[in-house]
PDB file of N, CA and C in Angstrom:
ATOM      1  N   MET A   1     -35.702 -15.215 -18.215  1.00  0.00           N
ATOM      2  CA  MET A   1     -35.477 -16.092 -19.361  1.00  0.00           C
ATOM      3  C   MET A   1     -35.052 -15.187 -20.444  1.00  0.00           C
ATOM      4  N   MET A   2     -34.033 -15.476 -21.321  1.00  0.00           N
ATOM      5  CA  MET A   2     -33.637 -14.736 -22.403  1.00  0.00           C
ATOM      6  C   MET A   2     -34.347 -14.636 -23.722  1.00  0.00           C
ATOM      7  N   ASP A   3     -34.209 -13.835 -24.619  1.00  0.00           N
ATOM      8  CA  ASP A   3     -35.014 -14.008 -25.928  1.00  0.00           C
ATOM      9  C   ASP A   3     -34.019 -14.423 -26.919  1.00  0.00           C
ATOM     10  N   ALA A   4     -34.543 -14.798 -28.006  1.00  0.00           N
ATOM     11  CA  ALA A   4     -33.691 -15.303 -29.297  1.00  0.00           C
ATOM     12  C   ALA A   4     -32.624 -14.445 -29.612  1.00  0.00           C
ATOM     13  N   LYS A   5     -32.711 -13.190 -29.598  1.00  0.00           N
ATOM     14  CA  LYS A   5     -31.579 -12.196 -30.082  1.00  0.00           C
ATOM     15  C   LYS A   5     -30.370 -12.301 -29.239  1.00  0.00           C
ATOM     16  N   GLU A   6     -30.866 -12.691 -27.695  1.00  0.00           N
ATOM     17  CA  GLU A   6     -29.555 -12.804 -26.494  1.00  0.00           C
ATOM     18  C   GLU A   6     -29.057 -14.087 -26.946  1.00  0.00           C
ATOM     19  N   ALA A   7     -29.848 -15.084 -27.220  1.00  0.00           N
ATOM     20  CA  ALA A   7     -29.201 -16.455 -27.466  1.00  0.00           C
ATOM     21  C   ALA A   7     -28.290 -16.377 -28.559  1.00  0.00           C
ATOM     22  N   VAL A   8     -28.790 -15.772 -29.637  1.00  0.00           N
ATOM     23  CA  VAL A   8     -27.970 -15.633 -30.960  1.00  0.00           C
ATOM     24  C   VAL A   8     -26.607 -14.819 -30.586  1.00  0.00           C
ATOM     25  N   ARG A   9     -26.447 -14.044 -29.870  1.00  0.00           N
ATOM     26  CA  ARG A   9     -25.502 -13.049 -29.379  1.00  0.00           C
ATOM     27  C   ARG A   9     -24.476 -14.011 -28.826  1.00  0.00           C
ATOM     28  N   LEU A  10     -24.976 -14.663 -27.711  1.00  0.00           N
ATOM     29  CA  LEU A  10     -24.138 -15.643 -27.001  1.00  0.00           C
ATOM     30  C   LEU A  10     -23.523 -16.811 -27.743  1.00  0.00           C
ATOM     31  N   ALA A  11     -24.285 -17.535 -28.720  1.00  0.00           N
ATOM     32  CA  ALA A  11     -23.674 -18.380 -29.454  1.00  0.00           C
ATOM     33  C   ALA A  11     -22.637 -17.956 -30.502  1.00  0.00           C
ATOM     34  N   THR A  12     -22.998 -16.890 -31.040  1.00  0.00           N
ATOM     35  CA  THR A  12     -21.794 -16.174 -31.724  1.00  0.00           C
ATOM     36  C   THR A  12     -20.408 -15.795 -30.873  1.00  0.00           C
ATOM     37  N   ALA A  13     -20.506 -15.350 -30.026  1.00  0.00           N
ATOM     38  CA  ALA A  13     -19.656 -14.866 -29.008  1.00  0.00           C
ATOM     39  C   ALA A  13     -18.709 -16.143 -28.719  1.00  0.00           C
ATOM     40  N   TYR A  14     -19.576 -17.299 -28.271  1.00  0.00           N
ATOM     41  CA  TYR A  14     -18.899 -18.513 -27.935  1.00  0.00           C
ATOM     42  C   TYR A  14     -18.267 -18.925 -29.200  1.00  0.00           C
ATOM     43  N   PHE A  15     -18.649 -19.003 -30.395  1.00  0.00           N
ATOM     44  CA  PHE A  15     -18.085 -19.660 -31.609  1.00  0.00           C
ATOM     45  C   PHE A  15     -16.599 -18.866 -31.821  1.00  0.00           C
ATOM     46  N   HIS A  16     -16.729 -17.531 -31.754  1.00  0.00           N
ATOM     47  CA  HIS A  16     -15.486 -16.609 -31.894  1.00  0.00           C
ATOM     48  C   HIS A  16     -14.554 -17.011 -30.953  1.00  0.00           C
ATOM     49  N   ASN A  17     -14.896 -16.966 -29.593  1.00  0.00           N
ATOM     50  CA  ASN A  17     -13.944 -17.342 -28.477  1.00  0.00           C
ATOM     51  C   ASN A  17     -13.298 -18.844 -28.653  1.00  0.00           C
ATOM     52  N   LEU A  18     -14.216 -19.618 -29.017  1.00  0.00           N
ATOM     53  CA  LEU A  18     -13.656 -21.049 -29.201  1.00  0.00           C
ATOM     54  C   LEU A  18     -12.474 -21.144 -30.153  1.00  0.00           C
ATOM     55  N   LEU A  19     -12.721 -20.286 -31.329  1.00  0.00           N
ATOM     56  CA  LEU A  19     -11.586 -20.250 -32.234  1.00  0.00           C
ATOM     57  C   LEU A  19     -10.671 -19.168 -32.229  1.00  0.00           C
ATOM     58  N   ASP A  20     -10.654 -18.758 -30.826  1.00  0.00           N
ATOM     59  CA  ASP A  20      -9.559 -17.653 -30.489  1.00  0.00           C
ATOM     60  C   ASP A  20      -9.935 -16.438 -31.524  1.00  0.00           C
ATOM     61  N   ASN A  21     -11.077 -15.979 -31.672  1.00  0.00           N
ATOM     62  CA  ASN A  21     -11.486 -14.840 -32.661  1.00  0.00           C
ATOM     63  C   ASN A  21     -10.922 -14.911 -34.048  1.00  0.00           C
ATOM     64  N   ARG A  22     -10.818 -16.137 -34.622  1.00  0.00           N
ATOM     65  CA  ARG A  22     -10.315 -16.286 -35.756  1.00  0.00           C
ATOM     66  C   ARG A  22     -11.333 -15.871 -36.758  1.00  0.00           C
ATOM     67  N   ASP A  23     -10.982 -15.287 -37.930  1.00  0.00           N
ATOM     68  CA  ASP A  23     -12.085 -14.705 -38.833  1.00  0.00           C
ATOM     69  C   ASP A  23     -12.873 -15.913 -39.379  1.00  0.00           C
ATOM     70  N   LEU A  24     -14.179 -15.711 -39.218  1.00  0.00           N
ATOM     71  CA  LEU A  24     -15.031 -16.617 -39.759  1.00  0.00           C
ATOM     72  C   LEU A  24     -15.834 -15.867 -41.063  1.00  0.00           C
ATOM     73  N   PRO A  25     -15.287 -16.207 -42.339  1.00  0.00           N
ATOM     74  CA  PRO A  25     -15.924 -15.555 -43.461  1.00  0.00           C
ATOM     75  C   PRO A  25     -17.028 -16.003 -43.640  1.00  0.00           C
ATOM     76  N   GLY A  26     -18.068 -14.693 -43.954  1.00  0.00           N
ATOM     77  CA  GLY A  26     -19.312 -15.116 -44.370  1.00  0.00           C
ATOM     78  C   GLY A  26     -20.167 -15.715 -43.284  1.00  0.00           C
ATOM     79  N   LEU A  27     -19.845 -15.231 -42.105  1.00  0.00           N
ATOM     80  CA  LEU A  27     -20.833 -15.714 -40.842  1.00  0.00           C
ATOM     81  C   LEU A  27     -22.224 -15.308 -40.914  1.00  0.00           C
ATOM     82  N   GLU A  28     -23.007 -16.438 -40.844  1.00  0.00           N
ATOM     83  CA  GLU A  28     -24.562 -15.833 -41.120  1.00  0.00           C
ATOM     84  C   GLU A  28     -25.363 -16.606 -39.973  1.00  0.00           C
ATOM     85  N   LEU A  29     -26.384 -16.039 -39.658  1.00  0.00           N
ATOM     86  CA  LEU A  29     -27.479 -16.696 -38.624  1.00  0.00           C
ATOM     87  C   LEU A  29     -28.376 -17.094 -39.693  1.00  0.00           C
ATOM     88  N   GLU A  30     -28.553 -18.534 -39.430  1.00  0.00           N
ATOM     89  CA  GLU A  30     -29.476 -19.366 -40.454  1.00  0.00           C
ATOM     90  C   GLU A  30     -30.804 -19.750 -39.909  1.00  0.00           C
ATOM     91  N   GLU A  31     -30.800 -19.917 -38.629  1.00  0.00           N
ATOM     92  CA  GLU A  31     -32.151 -20.642 -37.917  1.00  0.00           C
ATOM     93  C   GLU A  31     -31.848 -20.195 -36.244  1.00  0.00           C
ATOM     94  N   VAL A  32     -32.995 -20.002 -35.605  1.00  0.00           N
ATOM     95  CA  VAL A  32     -33.292 -19.929 -34.357  1.00  0.00           C
ATOM     96  C   VAL A  32     -34.481 -20.356 -33.797  1.00  0.00           C
ATOM     97  N   GLU A  33     -34.444 -21.200 -32.988  1.00  0.00           N
ATOM     98  CA  GLU A  33     -35.802 -21.748 -32.510  1.00  0.00           C
ATOM     99  C   GLU A  33     -35.570 -22.252 -31.016  1.00  0.00           C
ATOM    100  N   LYS A  34     -36.601 -22.318 -30.232  1.00  0.00           N
ATOM    101  CA  LYS A  34     -36.697 -22.767 -28.810  1.00  0.00           C
ATOM    102  C   LYS A  34     -36.843 -24.349 -29.010  1.00  0.00           C
ATOM    103  N   SER A  35     -36.237 -25.131 -28.228  1.00  0.00           N
ATOM    104  CA  SER A  35     -36.417 -26.563 -28.023  1.00  0.00           C
ATOM    105  C   SER A  35     -37.680 -26.995 -27.710  1.00  0.00           C
ATOM    106  N   PRO A  36     -38.242 -27.986 -28.193  1.00  0.00           N
ATOM    107  CA  PRO A  36     -39.553 -28.525 -27.813  1.00  0.00           C
ATOM    108  C   PRO A  36     -40.067 -28.356 -26.254  1.00  0.00           C
ATOM    109  N   ASP A  37     -38.843 -28.729 -25.398  1.00  0.00           N
ATOM    110  CA  ASP A  37     -39.206 -28.367 -23.879  1.00  0.00           C
ATOM    111  C   ASP A  37     -39.048 -26.904 -23.320  1.00  0.00           C
ATOM    112  N   GLY A  38     -38.676 -26.218 -24.111  1.00  0.00           N
ATOM    113  CA  GLY A  38     -38.474 -24.666 -23.953  1.00  0.00           C
ATOM    114  C   GLY A  38     -37.413 -24.502 -22.939  1.00  0.00           C
ATOM    115  N   LEU A  39     -36.412 -25.459 -22.742  1.00  0.00           N
ATOM    116  CA  LEU A  39     -35.240 -25.191 -21.874  1.00  0.00           C
ATOM    117  C   LEU A  39     -33.957 -24.675 -22.541  1.00  0.00           C
ATOM    118  N   HIS A  40     -34.080 -24.696 -23.990  1.00  0.00           N
ATOM    119  CA  HIS A  40     -32.777 -24.209 -24.797  1.00  0.00           C
ATOM    120  C   HIS A  40     -33.371 -23.506 -25.989  1.00  0.00           C
ATOM    121  N   TRP A  41     -32.409 -22.709 -26.547  1.00  0.00           N
ATOM    122  CA  TRP A  41     -32.484 -22.010 -27.690  1.00  0.00           C
ATOM    123  C   TRP A  41     -31.570 -22.839 -28.745  1.00  0.00           C
ATOM    124  N   LEU A  42     -32.025 -23.164 -29.939  1.00  0.00           N
ATOM    125  CA  LEU A  42     -30.997 -23.841 -30.881  1.00  0.00           C
ATOM    126  C   LEU A  42     -30.795 -22.803 -31.890  1.00  0.00           C
ATOM    127  N   VAL A  43     -29.373 -22.372 -31.804  1.00  0.00           N
ATOM    128  CA  VAL A  43     -29.221 -21.614 -33.036  1.00  0.00           C
ATOM    129  C   VAL A  43     -28.202 -21.965 -33.958  1.00  0.00           C
ATOM    130  N   THR A  44     -28.567 -21.890 -35.195  1.00  0.00           N
ATOM    131  CA  THR A  44     -27.663 -22.547 -36.342  1.00  0.00           C
ATOM    132  C   THR A  44     -27.011 -21.203 -36.968  1.00  0.00           C
ATOM    133  N   LEU A  45     -25.646 -21.336 -36.840  1.00  0.00           N
ATOM    134  CA  LEU A  45     -24.764 -20.369 -37.742  1.00  0.00           C
ATOM    135  C   LEU A  45     -24.076 -20.954 -38.894  1.00  0.00           C
ATOM    136  N   SER A  46     -23.744 -20.413 -39.895  1.00  0.00           N
ATOM    137  CA  SER A  46     -22.920 -20.935 -41.023  1.00  0.00           C
ATOM    138  C   SER A  46     -21.988 -20.078 -41.325  1.00  0.00           C
ATOM    139  N   TYR A  47     -20.970 -20.490 -41.986  1.00  0.00           N
ATOM    140  CA  TYR A  47     -19.775 -19.555 -42.452  1.00  0.00           C
ATOM    141  C   TYR A  47     -18.993 -20.390 -43.618  1.00  0.00           C
ATOM    142  N   VAL A  48     -18.200 -19.827 -44.359  1.00  0.00           N
ATOM    143  CA  VAL A  48     -17.657 -20.242 -45.665  1.00  0.00           C
ATOM    144  C   VAL A  48     -16.299 -20.917 -45.225  1.00  0.00           C
ATOM    145  N   ARG A  49     -16.052 -22.180 -45.716  1.00  0.00           N
ATOM    146  CA  ARG A  49     -14.761 -22.684 -45.622  1.00  0.00           C
ATOM    147  C   ARG A  49     -14.053 -22.730 -46.796  1.00  0.00           C
ATOM    148  N   ARG A  50     -12.807 -22.213 -47.241  1.00  0.00           N
ATOM    149  CA  ARG A  50     -12.310 -22.252 -48.452  1.00  0.00           C
ATOM    150  C   ARG A  50     -11.462 -23.405 -48.603  1.00  0.00           C
ATOM    151  N   VAL A  51     -11.507 -24.340 -49.509  1.00  0.00           N
ATOM    152  CA  VAL A  51     -10.634 -25.366 -49.662  1.00  0.00           C
ATOM    153  C   VAL A  51     -10.168 -25.396 -51.008  1.00  0.00           C
ATOM    154  N   LEU A  52      -8.766 -25.155 -51.364  1.00  0.00           N
ATOM    155  CA  LEU A  52      -8.230 -24.833 -52.433  1.00  0.00           C
ATOM    156  C   LEU A  52      -9.074 -23.841 -53.345  1.00  0.00           C
ATOM    157  N   LEU A  53      -9.608 -24.245 -54.397  1.00  0.00           N
ATOM    158  CA  LEU A  53     -10.375 -22.940 -55.116  1.00  0.00           C
ATOM    159  C   LEU A  53     -11.814 -22.844 -54.897  1.00  0.00           C
ATOM    160  N   ALA A  54     -12.165 -23.888 -54.184  1.00  0.00           N
ATOM    161  CA  ALA A  54     -13.712 -24.132 -53.981  1.00  0.00           C
ATOM    162  C   ALA A  54     -14.127 -23.450 -52.611  1.00  0.00           C
ATOM    163  N   GLU A  55     -15.516 -22.913 -52.438  1.00  0.00           N
ATOM    164  CA  GLU A  55     -15.950 -22.653 -51.101  1.00  0.00           C
ATOM    165  C   GLU A  55     -17.082 -23.631 -50.807  1.00  0.00           C
ATOM    166  N   GLN A  56     -17.108 -23.794 -49.352  1.00  0.00           N
ATOM    167  CA  GLN A  56     -18.152 -24.733 -48.826  1.00  0.00           C
ATOM    168  C   GLN A  56     -18.628 -23.904 -47.580  1.00  0.00           C
ATOM    169  N   ARG A  57     -20.063 -24.057 -47.628  1.00  0.00           N
ATOM    170  CA  ARG A  57     -20.816 -23.357 -46.393  1.00  0.00           C
ATOM    171  C   ARG A  57     -20.946 -24.493 -45.432  1.00  0.00           C
ATOM    172  N   ILE A  58     -20.472 -24.277 -44.195  1.00  0.00           N
ATOM    173  CA  ILE A  58     -20.460 -25.048 -42.980  1.00  0.00           C
ATOM    174  C   ILE A  58     -21.601 -24.536 -41.984  1.00  0.00           C
ATOM    175  N   TYR A  59     -22.459 -25.719 -41.461  1.00  0.00           N
ATOM    176  CA  TYR A  59     -23.442 -25.422 -40.583  1.00  0.00           C
ATOM    177  C   TYR A  59     -23.058 -25.753 -39.406  1.00  0.00           C
ATOM    178  N   LYS A  60     -23.320 -25.053 -38.113  1.00  0.00           N
ATOM    179  CA  LYS A  60     -23.023 -25.490 -36.697  1.00  0.00           C
ATOM    180  C   LYS A  60     -24.359 -24.879 -36.082  1.00  0.00           C
ATOM    181  N   GLN A  61     -24.772 -25.934 -35.246  1.00  0.00           N
ATOM    182  CA  GLN A  61     -25.748 -25.514 -34.176  1.00  0.00           C
ATOM    183  C   GLN A  61     -25.435 -25.539 -32.732  1.00  0.00           C
ATOM    184  N   PHE A  62     -25.933 -24.488 -32.238  1.00  0.00           N
ATOM    185  CA  PHE A  62     -25.473 -24.172 -30.728  1.00  0.00           C
ATOM    186  C   PHE A  62     -26.818 -24.265 -29.757  1.00  0.00           C
ATOM    187  N   LYS A  63     -26.615 -25.162 -28.910  1.00  0.00           N
ATOM    188  CA  LYS A  63     -27.587 -25.374 -27.866  1.00  0.00           C
ATOM    189  C   LYS A  63     -27.200 -24.280 -26.694  1.00  0.00           C
ATOM    190  N   VAL A  64     -28.080 -23.378 -26.530  1.00  0.00           N
ATOM    191  CA  VAL A  64     -27.949 -22.370 -25.381  1.00  0.00           C
ATOM    192  C   VAL A  64     -29.022 -22.569 -24.440  1.00  0.00           C
ATOM    193  N   ASP A  65     -28.587 -22.645 -23.006  1.00  0.00           N
ATOM    194  CA  ASP A  65     -29.544 -22.882 -21.894  1.00  0.00           C
ATOM    195  C   ASP A  65     -30.387 -21.406 -22.030  1.00  0.00           C
ATOM    196  N   ALA A  66     -31.569 -21.444 -21.864  1.00  0.00           N
ATOM    197  CA  ALA A  66     -32.511 -20.382 -22.071  1.00  0.00           C
ATOM    198  C   ALA A  66     -32.562 -19.698 -20.880  1.00  0.00           C
ATOM    199  N   GLU A  67     -32.456 -20.151 -19.725  1.00  0.00           N
ATOM    200  CA  GLU A  67     -32.102 -19.615 -18.357  1.00  0.00           C
ATOM    201  C   GLU A  67     -31.113 -19.015 -18.176  1.00  0.00           C
ATOM    202  N   THR A  68     -29.985 -19.643 -18.332  1.00  0.00           N
ATOM    203  CA  THR A  68     -28.440 -19.244 -17.775  1.00  0.00           C
ATOM    204  C   THR A  68     -27.862 -18.566 -18.969  1.00  0.00           C
ATOM    205  N   GLY A  69     -27.955 -18.823 -20.040  1.00  0.00           N
ATOM    206  CA  GLY A  69     -27.310 -18.234 -21.203  1.00  0.00           C
ATOM    207  C   GLY A  69     -25.862 -19.158 -21.638  1.00  0.00           C
ATOM    208  N   GLU A  70     -25.831 -20.286 -20.884  1.00  0.00           N
ATOM    209  CA  GLU A  70     -24.499 -21.139 -21.008  1.00  0.00           C
ATOM    210  C   GLU A  70     -24.913 -21.884 -22.437  1.00  0.00           C
ATOM    211  N   VAL A  71     -23.762 -21.874 -23.364  1.00  0.00           N
ATOM    212  CA  VAL A  71     -23.950 -22.708 -24.557  1.00  0.00           C
ATOM    213  C   VAL A  71     -23.486 -24.109 -23.904  1.00  0.00           C
ATOM    214  N   VAL A  72     -24.221 -25.137 -24.241  1.00  0.00           N
ATOM    215  CA  VAL A  72     -24.066 -26.531 -23.558  1.00  0.00           C
ATOM    216  C   VAL A  72     -23.554 -27.459 -24.708  1.00  0.00           C
ATOM    217  N   SER A  73     -23.796 -27.078 -25.905  1.00  0.00           N
ATOM    218  CA  SER A  73     -23.250 -27.913 -27.080  1.00  0.00           C
ATOM    219  C   SER A  73     -23.019 -27.174 -28.250  1.00  0.00           C
ATOM    220  N   MET A  74     -22.189 -27.629 -29.225  1.00  0.00           N
ATOM    221  CA  MET A  74     -21.963 -27.124 -30.568  1.00  0.00           C
ATOM    222  C   MET A  74     -21.739 -28.403 -31.331  1.00  0.00           C
ATOM    223  N   THR A  75     -22.764 -28.500 -32.549  1.00  0.00           N
ATOM    224  CA  THR A  75     -22.941 -29.611 -33.202  1.00  0.00           C
ATOM    225  C   THR A  75     -22.713 -29.305 -34.582  1.00  0.00           C
ATOM    226  N   ILE A  76     -22.420 -30.208 -35.509  1.00  0.00           N
ATOM    227  CA  ILE A  76     -22.458 -30.075 -36.911  1.00  0.00           C
ATOM    228  C   ILE A  76     -23.992 -30.202 -37.285  1.00  0.00           C
ATOM    229  N   ARG A  77     -24.404 -29.195 -38.152  1.00  0.00           N
ATOM    230  CA  ARG A  77     -25.740 -29.181 -38.753  1.00  0.00           C
ATOM    231  C   ARG A  77     -25.742 -29.640 -40.101  1.00  0.00           C
ATOM    232  N   LEU A  78     -26.499 -30.905 -40.254  1.00  0.00           N
ATOM    233  CA  LEU A  78     -26.263 -31.372 -41.624  1.00  0.00           C
ATOM    234  C   LEU A  78     -27.729 -30.992 -42.342  1.00  0.00           C
ATOM    235  N   LEU A  79     -27.423 -30.587 -43.733  1.00  0.00           N
ATOM    236  CA  LEU A  79     -28.641 -30.307 -44.346  1.00  0.00           C
ATOM    237  C   LEU A  79     -29.170 -31.462 -45.229  1.00  0.00           C
ATOM    238  N   ASP A  80     -30.464 -31.900 -45.516  1.00  0.00           N
ATOM    239  CA  ASP A  80     -30.622 -32.682 -46.392  1.00  0.00           C
ATOM    240  C   ASP A  80     -30.825 -32.039 -47.700  1.00  0.00           C
ATOM    241  N   ALA A  81     -30.870 -32.884 -49.104  1.00  0.00           N
ATOM    242  CA  ALA A  81     -30.967 -32.233 -50.268  1.00  0.00           C
ATOM    243  C   ALA A  81     -32.120 -31.312 -50.512  1.00  0.00           C
ATOM    244  N   SER A  82     -33.182 -31.468 -49.765  1.00  0.00           N
ATOM    245  CA  SER A  82     -34.281 -30.710 -49.953  1.00  0.00           C
ATOM    246  C   SER A  82     -34.313 -29.342 -49.470  1.00  0.00           C
ATOM    247  N   GLN A  83     -33.294 -28.967 -48.593  1.00  0.00           N
ATOM    248  CA  GLN A  83     -33.011 -27.878 -47.811  1.00  0.00           C
ATOM    249  C   GLN A  83     -32.037 -27.020 -48.717  1.00  0.00           C
ATOM    250  N   LEU A  84     -31.385 -27.609 -49.382  1.00  0.00           N
ATOM    251  CA  LEU A  84     -30.410 -26.908 -50.100  1.00  0.00           C
ATOM    252  C   LEU A  84     -30.920 -26.141 -51.561  1.00  0.00           C
ATOM    253  N   ARG A  85     -30.666 -25.028 -51.832  1.00  0.00           N
ATOM    254  CA  ARG A  85     -31.338 -24.202 -52.737  1.00  0.00           C
ATOM    255  C   ARG A  85     -30.224 -23.409 -53.528  1.00  0.00           C
TER     256      ARG A  85
END
């Protein structure tokens, strides 16, 4: 079974590969946790999207199979107002 560091590495590589290694400005690791059933790692990465003169931080959550390392999903991770600082 893989550890959190390996799950983050796999999620990051998957994201870069999915976008054909396009530059992801401000790419950051935000969260990593094991799913309640212990079968997956949930890895949240964020990056900055520039729209006209403004910047917006976008959050993506990756679900990584804890046994095989396969990324099984990538979803938009929405934050509620209490999480924004």
